[in-house]
Amino acid sequence: MTTPDFVPAMRRAAAIVTDEGGVTCHAAIIARELKKPCVVGTKHATQIFKDGDMVEVDADKGIVRKI
């Protein structure tokens, strides 16, 4: 889940991935406004991926993978 405090970091990000949320959640709305790829509702992304990990985000298919 994101809050308005996350927006500066979201502006710098290449893509947005969250554990919770759906198409109308805060992260999805901000991602659309910023024209950034976004995958929400992954359930476990923040447990699997760590700071510094390189990931590939396919927002069209809802896939996030470590590269």
Protein backbone atom coordinates (compact mmCIF):
# COMPACT_ATOMS: atom_id res chain seq x y z
CA MET A 1 0.00 0.00 0.00
CA THR A 2 1.26 3.48 -0.80
CA THR A 3 0.45 6.90 0.60
CA PRO A 4 1.10 10.42 -0.69
CA ASP A 5 4.46 10.29 1.14
CA PHE A 6 5.63 7.74 -1.46
CA VAL A 7 5.02 10.02 -4.48
CA PRO A 8 8.55 11.54 -4.64
CA ALA A 9 10.07 8.03 -4.77
CA MET A 10 7.43 6.90 -7.26
CA ARG A 11 8.43 9.80 -9.55
CA ARG A 12 12.05 8.52 -9.54
CA ALA A 13 11.12 4.86 -10.07
CA ALA A 14 11.12 3.23 -13.50
CA ALA A 15 8.10 1.11 -12.48
CA ILE A 16 5.86 0.57 -9.46
CA VAL A 17 5.20 -2.81 -7.81
CA THR A 18 3.10 -3.34 -4.66
CA ASP A 19 2.01 -6.27 -2.51
CA GLU A 20 -1.54 -4.96 -2.09
CA GLY A 21 -4.04 -3.02 -4.14
CA GLY A 22 -6.04 -3.12 -7.31
CA VAL A 23 -6.72 -0.98 -10.36
CA THR A 24 -8.17 1.85 -8.25
CA CYS A 25 -5.55 1.86 -5.47
CA HIS A 26 -3.32 4.87 -4.81
CA ALA A 27 -0.25 3.26 -6.45
CA ALA A 28 -2.16 2.41 -9.64
CA ILE A 29 -3.67 5.88 -9.91
CA ILE A 30 -0.32 7.62 -9.43
CA ALA A 31 1.39 5.22 -11.86
CA ARG A 32 -1.20 6.04 -14.54
CA GLU A 33 -0.74 9.75 -13.96
CA LEU A 34 3.06 9.42 -14.13
CA LYS A 35 2.81 7.06 -17.14
CA LYS A 36 4.83 4.39 -15.31
CA PRO A 37 4.36 0.63 -15.63
CA CYS A 38 2.69 -0.77 -12.52
CA VAL A 39 1.86 -4.19 -11.08
CA VAL A 40 -0.23 -4.15 -7.90
CA GLY A 41 -1.49 -6.91 -5.62
CA THR A 42 1.54 -9.19 -5.95
CA LYS A 43 1.14 -10.36 -2.32
CA HIS A 44 4.87 -11.17 -1.87
CA ALA A 45 7.03 -8.82 -3.96
CA THR A 46 8.46 -6.91 -0.99
CA GLN A 47 9.44 -10.21 0.66
CA ILE A 48 11.09 -11.60 -2.49
CA PHE A 49 12.83 -8.52 -3.90
CA LYS A 50 15.35 -6.46 -1.92
CA ASP A 51 16.84 -2.99 -2.37
CA GLY A 52 19.26 -2.99 -5.28
CA ASP A 53 17.71 -5.98 -7.07
CA MET A 54 17.33 -5.53 -10.81
CA VAL A 55 13.83 -6.50 -11.89
CA GLU A 56 11.90 -6.59 -15.13
CA VAL A 57 8.29 -5.41 -14.98
CA ASP A 58 5.81 -6.47 -17.67
CA ALA A 59 2.78 -4.46 -16.59
CA ASP A 60 0.70 -5.67 -19.54
CA LYS A 61 0.98 -9.28 -18.32
CA GLY A 62 1.27 -8.48 -14.60
CA ILE A 63 4.69 -10.12 -14.36
CA VAL A 64 7.65 -9.02 -12.24
CA ARG A 65 10.86 -11.03 -12.37
CA LYS A 66 14.38 -10.71 -11.03
CA ILE A 67 17.07 -10.34 -13.69
